[in-house]
Amino acid sequence: MTTHKSSEDYLEAILVLSRKSGNVRSIDIVNQLGYSKPSVSVAMKKLRQNGDITMDEDGYIKLTESGMRIADTILERHNFISDLLISLGVNKETALDDACKIEHDISAESFEALKKLMDKINIDALDI
């Protein structure tokens, strides 16, 4: 994945918002992420230029196939890492905050290794 952290955050937010309400506009992203309207506008332009989103004449934003792929990856990492940290006893707010940091930097190889480890631990725990 060759996107920047900020682009990944925007794509993840678009995915989450679209799953909640179906329609996403720039103002929804402003409210979700707490960024300024001009910052979101610039980011949406970049994401359109990169082919990660489309925006219709009414301002509704949709993820393209490439945008969806990136957003799915980041959201999966976020959910997995935050759930893992919470299961280890980390405070939920801290776990969510830390997951936001880790999700962008962890390699695909390390993430897959963590998932395999958790699958093994869960299976072994059931066998006891």
N, C-alpha and C. Protein backbone atom coordinates (compact mmCIF):
# COMPACT_ATOMS: atom_id res chain seq x y z
N MET A 1 0.85 -1.18 0.00
CA MET A 1 0.00 0.00 0.00
C MET A 1 0.89 1.23 0.00
N THR A 2 0.67 2.15 -0.90
CA THR A 2 1.52 3.31 -1.01
C THR A 2 0.80 4.61 -0.69
N THR A 3 -0.25 4.54 0.07
CA THR A 3 -0.97 5.75 0.45
C THR A 3 -0.38 6.31 1.74
N HIS A 4 -0.66 7.57 1.99
CA HIS A 4 -0.20 8.23 3.20
C HIS A 4 -1.21 8.02 4.32
N LYS A 5 -0.75 8.16 5.55
CA LYS A 5 -1.60 7.97 6.71
C LYS A 5 -2.87 8.82 6.61
N SER A 6 -2.73 10.09 6.23
CA SER A 6 -3.90 10.95 6.17
C SER A 6 -4.90 10.45 5.12
N SER A 7 -4.42 10.00 3.98
CA SER A 7 -5.32 9.46 2.96
C SER A 7 -6.03 8.23 3.49
N GLU A 8 -5.29 7.37 4.18
CA GLU A 8 -5.89 6.16 4.74
C GLU A 8 -6.95 6.52 5.77
N ASP A 9 -6.70 7.54 6.59
CA ASP A 9 -7.70 7.99 7.57
C ASP A 9 -8.97 8.46 6.88
N TYR A 10 -8.82 9.23 5.82
CA TYR A 10 -9.98 9.71 5.08
C TYR A 10 -10.76 8.56 4.46
N LEU A 11 -10.06 7.64 3.83
CA LEU A 11 -10.73 6.51 3.19
C LEU A 11 -11.44 5.64 4.22
N GLU A 12 -10.79 5.42 5.35
CA GLU A 12 -11.42 4.64 6.43
C GLU A 12 -12.68 5.35 6.93
N ALA A 13 -12.59 6.66 7.12
CA ALA A 13 -13.75 7.43 7.59
C ALA A 13 -14.90 7.35 6.58
N ILE A 14 -14.59 7.44 5.30
CA ILE A 14 -15.63 7.35 4.26
C ILE A 14 -16.31 5.98 4.33
N LEU A 15 -15.52 4.93 4.51
CA LEU A 15 -16.09 3.58 4.60
C LEU A 15 -17.00 3.46 5.82
N VAL A 16 -16.52 3.91 6.97
CA VAL A 16 -17.31 3.82 8.20
C VAL A 16 -18.60 4.63 8.07
N LEU A 17 -18.50 5.84 7.57
CA LEU A 17 -19.68 6.69 7.40
C LEU A 17 -20.66 6.11 6.39
N SER A 18 -20.15 5.54 5.31
CA SER A 18 -21.05 4.97 4.30
C SER A 18 -21.79 3.75 4.85
N ARG A 19 -21.14 3.01 5.72
CA ARG A 19 -21.80 1.86 6.34
C ARG A 19 -22.87 2.30 7.33
N LYS A 20 -22.67 3.45 7.96
CA LYS A 20 -23.64 3.97 8.93
C LYS A 20 -24.86 4.57 8.24
N SER A 21 -24.62 5.41 7.23
CA SER A 21 -25.74 6.15 6.66
C SER A 21 -25.93 5.97 5.17
N GLY A 22 -25.00 5.33 4.49
CA GLY A 22 -25.13 5.11 3.06
C GLY A 22 -24.59 6.24 2.23
N ASN A 23 -24.88 7.47 2.59
CA ASN A 23 -24.42 8.63 1.84
C ASN A 23 -23.38 9.41 2.64
N VAL A 24 -22.33 9.82 1.97
CA VAL A 24 -21.26 10.55 2.64
C VAL A 24 -20.98 11.83 1.86
N ARG A 25 -20.91 12.93 2.59
CA ARG A 25 -20.52 14.21 2.01
C ARG A 25 -19.31 14.71 2.79
N SER A 26 -18.65 15.70 2.25
CA SER A 26 -17.46 16.26 2.89
C SER A 26 -17.74 16.72 4.32
N ILE A 27 -18.89 17.31 4.56
CA ILE A 27 -19.22 17.80 5.91
C ILE A 27 -19.29 16.65 6.91
N ASP A 28 -19.70 15.48 6.46
CA ASP A 28 -19.74 14.31 7.34
C ASP A 28 -18.32 13.93 7.77
N ILE A 29 -17.39 14.05 6.85
CA ILE A 29 -15.99 13.73 7.15
C ILE A 29 -15.41 14.77 8.10
N VAL A 30 -15.76 16.04 7.88
CA VAL A 30 -15.35 17.12 8.79
C VAL A 30 -15.80 16.78 10.21
N ASN A 31 -17.06 16.40 10.34
CA ASN A 31 -17.62 16.09 11.66
C ASN A 31 -17.01 14.83 12.26
N GLN A 32 -16.74 13.83 11.45
CA GLN A 32 -16.19 12.55 11.92
C GLN A 32 -14.75 12.71 12.41
N LEU A 33 -13.94 13.38 11.61
CA LEU A 33 -12.51 13.46 11.90
C LEU A 33 -12.10 14.73 12.65
N GLY A 34 -12.97 15.74 12.63
CA GLY A 34 -12.65 16.99 13.32
C GLY A 34 -11.66 17.87 12.57
N TYR A 35 -11.52 17.64 11.26
CA TYR A 35 -10.63 18.46 10.44
C TYR A 35 -11.41 19.65 9.89
N SER A 36 -10.70 20.65 9.42
CA SER A 36 -11.36 21.83 8.85
C SER A 36 -11.96 21.51 7.48
N LYS A 37 -12.95 22.30 7.09
CA LYS A 37 -13.57 22.11 5.77
C LYS A 37 -12.56 22.27 4.64
N PRO A 38 -11.69 23.28 4.69
CA PRO A 38 -10.70 23.40 3.61
C PRO A 38 -9.75 22.20 3.54
N SER A 39 -9.34 21.67 4.68
CA SER A 39 -8.45 20.50 4.68
C SER A 39 -9.13 19.30 4.05
N VAL A 40 -10.39 19.08 4.40
CA VAL A 40 -11.14 17.96 3.83
C VAL A 40 -11.33 18.16 2.33
N SER A 41 -11.61 19.39 1.93
CA SER A 41 -11.80 19.68 0.50
C SER A 41 -10.53 19.36 -0.30
N VAL A 42 -9.39 19.77 0.21
CA VAL A 42 -8.11 19.49 -0.45
C VAL A 42 -7.87 17.98 -0.51
N ALA A 43 -8.15 17.29 0.59
CA ALA A 43 -7.95 15.84 0.64
C ALA A 43 -8.87 15.12 -0.35
N MET A 44 -10.13 15.56 -0.46
CA MET A 44 -11.06 14.91 -1.39
C MET A 44 -10.59 15.11 -2.82
N LYS A 45 -10.04 16.28 -3.12
CA LYS A 45 -9.51 16.53 -4.46
C LYS A 45 -8.36 15.56 -4.75
N LYS A 46 -7.46 15.38 -3.80
CA LYS A 46 -6.33 14.46 -3.99
C LYS A 46 -6.82 13.02 -4.16
N LEU A 47 -7.79 12.62 -3.35
CA LEU A 47 -8.32 11.26 -3.44
C LEU A 47 -9.02 11.02 -4.77
N ARG A 48 -9.70 12.05 -5.28
CA ARG A 48 -10.32 11.94 -6.62
C ARG A 48 -9.24 11.80 -7.68
N GLN A 49 -8.20 12.62 -7.59
CA GLN A 49 -7.11 12.58 -8.57
C GLN A 49 -6.38 11.24 -8.54
N ASN A 50 -6.29 10.64 -7.35
CA ASN A 50 -5.64 9.32 -7.22
C ASN A 50 -6.55 8.17 -7.64
N GLY A 51 -7.82 8.48 -7.89
CA GLY A 51 -8.76 7.45 -8.30
C GLY A 51 -9.30 6.61 -7.15
N ASP A 52 -9.22 7.14 -5.92
CA ASP A 52 -9.70 6.39 -4.76
C ASP A 52 -11.16 6.70 -4.40
N ILE A 53 -11.67 7.83 -4.87
CA ILE A 53 -13.07 8.18 -4.63
C ILE A 53 -13.65 8.82 -5.89
N THR A 54 -14.97 8.83 -5.93
CA THR A 54 -15.70 9.63 -6.90
C THR A 54 -16.63 10.55 -6.12
N MET A 55 -17.00 11.65 -6.74
CA MET A 55 -17.93 12.57 -6.10
C MET A 55 -18.95 12.98 -7.15
N ASP A 56 -20.23 12.79 -6.85
CA ASP A 56 -21.25 13.15 -7.85
C ASP A 56 -21.58 14.64 -7.78
N GLU A 57 -22.48 15.07 -8.65
CA GLU A 57 -22.81 16.49 -8.74
C GLU A 57 -23.47 17.04 -7.47
N ASP A 58 -24.02 16.15 -6.64
CA ASP A 58 -24.63 16.58 -5.39
C ASP A 58 -23.64 16.54 -4.22
N GLY A 59 -22.39 16.17 -4.51
CA GLY A 59 -21.36 16.16 -3.47
C GLY A 59 -21.25 14.86 -2.69
N TYR A 60 -21.95 13.82 -3.15
CA TYR A 60 -21.87 12.54 -2.45
C TYR A 60 -20.61 11.80 -2.88
N ILE A 61 -19.93 11.27 -1.88
CA ILE A 61 -18.63 10.63 -2.09
C ILE A 61 -18.79 9.12 -2.05
N LYS A 62 -18.17 8.46 -3.00
CA LYS A 62 -18.17 7.00 -3.06
C LYS A 62 -16.73 6.52 -3.20
N LEU A 63 -16.43 5.41 -2.57
CA LEU A 63 -15.12 4.79 -2.73
C LEU A 63 -15.07 4.04 -4.05
N THR A 64 -13.97 4.15 -4.76
CA THR A 64 -13.75 3.34 -5.94
C THR A 64 -13.23 1.97 -5.47
N GLU A 65 -12.99 1.09 -6.40
CA GLU A 65 -12.47 -0.23 -6.04
C GLU A 65 -11.14 -0.11 -5.29
N SER A 66 -10.25 0.75 -5.78
CA SER A 66 -8.95 0.90 -5.10
C SER A 66 -9.13 1.56 -3.73
N GLY A 67 -10.00 2.55 -3.65
CA GLY A 67 -10.26 3.21 -2.36
C GLY A 67 -10.87 2.24 -1.36
N MET A 68 -11.77 1.39 -1.84
CA MET A 68 -12.40 0.40 -0.97
C MET A 68 -11.38 -0.60 -0.45
N ARG A 69 -10.48 -1.02 -1.30
CA ARG A 69 -9.44 -1.97 -0.92
C ARG A 69 -8.57 -1.40 0.21
N ILE A 70 -8.16 -0.15 0.06
CA ILE A 70 -7.35 0.51 1.09
C ILE A 70 -8.16 0.67 2.37
N ALA A 71 -9.38 1.17 2.26
CA ALA A 71 -10.21 1.42 3.43
C ALA A 71 -10.51 0.12 4.18
N ASP A 72 -10.82 -0.95 3.45
CA ASP A 72 -11.08 -2.25 4.09
C ASP A 72 -9.86 -2.73 4.87
N THR A 73 -8.68 -2.58 4.27
CA THR A 73 -7.44 -3.02 4.91
C THR A 73 -7.21 -2.25 6.20
N ILE A 74 -7.35 -0.94 6.15
CA ILE A 74 -7.10 -0.11 7.33
C ILE A 74 -8.15 -0.37 8.40
N LEU A 75 -9.41 -0.50 8.02
CA LEU A 75 -10.46 -0.76 9.00
C LEU A 75 -10.28 -2.13 9.65
N GLU A 76 -9.90 -3.14 8.86
CA GLU A 76 -9.65 -4.47 9.43
C GLU A 76 -8.52 -4.39 10.46
N ARG A 77 -7.45 -3.71 10.11
CA ARG A 77 -6.33 -3.56 11.04
C ARG A 77 -6.76 -2.83 12.30
N HIS A 78 -7.49 -1.74 12.11
CA HIS A 78 -7.96 -0.95 13.25
C HIS A 78 -8.80 -1.79 14.21
N ASN A 79 -9.77 -2.49 13.66
CA ASN A 79 -10.67 -3.31 14.50
C ASN A 79 -9.92 -4.43 15.19
N PHE A 80 -9.06 -5.12 14.45
CA PHE A 80 -8.30 -6.23 15.01
C PHE A 80 -7.38 -5.75 16.14
N ILE A 81 -6.61 -4.71 15.86
CA ILE A 81 -5.64 -4.22 16.84
C ILE A 81 -6.33 -3.66 18.07
N SER A 82 -7.39 -2.90 17.89
CA SER A 82 -8.10 -2.36 19.06
C SER A 82 -8.74 -3.48 19.87
N ASP A 83 -9.33 -4.47 19.22
CA ASP A 83 -9.92 -5.61 19.95
C ASP A 83 -8.84 -6.38 20.70
N LEU A 84 -7.69 -6.58 20.06
CA LEU A 84 -6.58 -7.29 20.70
C LEU A 84 -6.12 -6.54 21.94
N LEU A 85 -5.91 -5.25 21.82
CA LEU A 85 -5.44 -4.46 22.96
C LEU A 85 -6.47 -4.45 24.10
N ILE A 86 -7.73 -4.33 23.75
CA ILE A 86 -8.79 -4.35 24.78
C ILE A 86 -8.80 -5.70 25.47
N SER A 87 -8.65 -6.79 24.71
CA SER A 87 -8.64 -8.12 25.31
C SER A 87 -7.45 -8.33 26.23
N LEU A 88 -6.39 -7.55 26.01
CA LEU A 88 -5.20 -7.63 26.87
C LEU A 88 -5.33 -6.73 28.10
N GLY A 89 -6.46 -6.04 28.22
CA GLY A 89 -6.71 -5.22 29.39
C GLY A 89 -6.43 -3.74 29.22
N VAL A 90 -6.12 -3.33 28.00
CA VAL A 90 -5.88 -1.91 27.74
C VAL A 90 -7.22 -1.18 27.75
N ASN A 91 -7.24 -0.02 28.36
CA ASN A 91 -8.42 0.84 28.39
C ASN A 91 -8.92 1.05 26.97
N LYS A 92 -10.24 1.01 26.77
CA LYS A 92 -10.82 1.09 25.42
C LYS A 92 -10.38 2.34 24.67
N GLU A 93 -10.42 3.48 25.32
CA GLU A 93 -10.04 4.74 24.66
C GLU A 93 -8.57 4.70 24.23
N THR A 94 -7.72 4.19 25.08
CA THR A 94 -6.29 4.07 24.75
C THR A 94 -6.09 3.07 23.62
N ALA A 95 -6.80 1.95 23.68
CA ALA A 95 -6.69 0.92 22.64
C ALA A 95 -7.10 1.46 21.28
N LEU A 96 -8.18 2.22 21.24
CA LEU A 96 -8.64 2.80 19.97
C LEU A 96 -7.64 3.82 19.44
N ASP A 97 -7.09 4.62 20.34
CA ASP A 97 -6.10 5.62 19.95
C ASP A 97 -4.83 4.96 19.43
N ASP A 98 -4.36 3.94 20.15
CA ASP A 98 -3.15 3.23 19.73
C ASP A 98 -3.37 2.48 18.42
N ALA A 99 -4.55 1.90 18.25
CA ALA A 99 -4.85 1.19 17.00
C ALA A 99 -4.77 2.13 15.81
N CYS A 100 -5.21 3.38 15.99
CA CYS A 100 -5.13 4.37 14.92
C CYS A 100 -3.69 4.63 14.50
N LYS A 101 -2.79 4.53 15.43
CA LYS A 101 -1.37 4.76 15.13
C LYS A 101 -0.75 3.53 14.48
N ILE A 102 -1.02 2.37 15.05
CA ILE A 102 -0.40 1.12 14.60
C ILE A 102 -0.91 0.69 13.23
N GLU A 103 -2.18 0.91 12.96
CA GLU A 103 -2.80 0.41 11.72
C GLU A 103 -2.10 0.89 10.46
N HIS A 104 -1.47 2.03 10.52
CA HIS A 104 -0.82 2.60 9.34
C HIS A 104 0.61 2.10 9.16
N ASP A 105 1.24 1.71 10.24
CA ASP A 105 2.67 1.39 10.19
C ASP A 105 2.99 -0.10 10.17
N ILE A 106 2.08 -0.92 10.62
CA ILE A 106 2.36 -2.35 10.68
C ILE A 106 2.43 -2.93 9.26
N SER A 107 3.41 -3.78 9.03
CA SER A 107 3.54 -4.40 7.71
C SER A 107 2.46 -5.46 7.52
N ALA A 108 2.17 -5.78 6.28
CA ALA A 108 1.19 -6.83 5.98
C ALA A 108 1.66 -8.16 6.58
N GLU A 109 2.96 -8.42 6.50
CA GLU A 109 3.52 -9.66 7.03
C GLU A 109 3.31 -9.77 8.55
N SER A 110 3.62 -8.70 9.27
CA SER A 110 3.45 -8.72 10.73
C SER A 110 1.98 -8.81 11.11
N PHE A 111 1.13 -8.11 10.38
CA PHE A 111 -0.30 -8.16 10.68
C PHE A 111 -0.85 -9.57 10.48
N GLU A 112 -0.47 -10.21 9.38
CA GLU A 112 -0.92 -11.59 9.13
C GLU A 112 -0.39 -12.54 10.21
N ALA A 113 0.85 -12.33 10.65
CA ALA A 113 1.43 -13.17 11.71
C ALA A 113 0.64 -13.00 13.01
N LEU A 114 0.24 -11.79 13.33
CA LEU A 114 -0.57 -11.56 14.54
C LEU A 114 -1.92 -12.25 14.43
N LYS A 115 -2.54 -12.15 13.25
CA LYS A 115 -3.84 -12.82 13.07
C LYS A 115 -3.70 -14.33 13.22
N LYS A 116 -2.64 -14.90 12.65
CA LYS A 116 -2.42 -16.35 12.78
C LYS A 116 -2.18 -16.74 14.24
N LEU A 117 -1.41 -15.93 14.95
CA LEU A 117 -1.17 -16.20 16.36
C LEU A 117 -2.47 -16.18 17.15
N MET A 118 -3.30 -15.19 16.89
CA MET A 118 -4.58 -15.10 17.61
C MET A 118 -5.48 -16.28 17.26
N ASP A 119 -5.49 -16.68 16.00
CA ASP A 119 -6.28 -17.86 15.61
C ASP A 119 -5.78 -19.09 16.35
N LYS A 120 -4.48 -19.27 16.43
CA LYS A 120 -3.89 -20.42 17.12
C LYS A 120 -4.22 -20.39 18.61
N ILE A 121 -4.10 -19.23 19.22
CA ILE A 121 -4.40 -19.10 20.65
C ILE A 121 -5.86 -19.42 20.90
N ASN A 122 -6.74 -18.91 20.07
CA ASN A 122 -8.17 -19.16 20.25
C ASN A 122 -8.51 -20.64 20.06
N ILE A 123 -7.89 -21.30 19.08
CA ILE A 123 -8.13 -22.73 18.85
C ILE A 123 -7.58 -23.55 20.01
N ASP A 124 -6.35 -23.24 20.42
CA ASP A 124 -5.72 -23.97 21.52
C ASP A 124 -6.50 -23.80 22.82
N ALA A 125 -7.05 -22.61 23.05
CA ALA A 125 -7.81 -22.36 24.27
C ALA A 125 -9.06 -23.22 24.29
N LEU A 126 -9.65 -23.47 23.12
CA LEU A 126 -10.86 -24.29 23.04
C LEU A 126 -10.55 -25.77 23.29
N ASP A 127 -9.32 -26.19 22.98
CA ASP A 127 -8.93 -27.59 23.13
C ASP A 127 -8.64 -27.98 24.58
N ILE A 128 -8.47 -27.01 25.45
CA ILE A 128 -8.08 -27.30 26.83
C ILE A 128 -9.23 -27.90 27.61
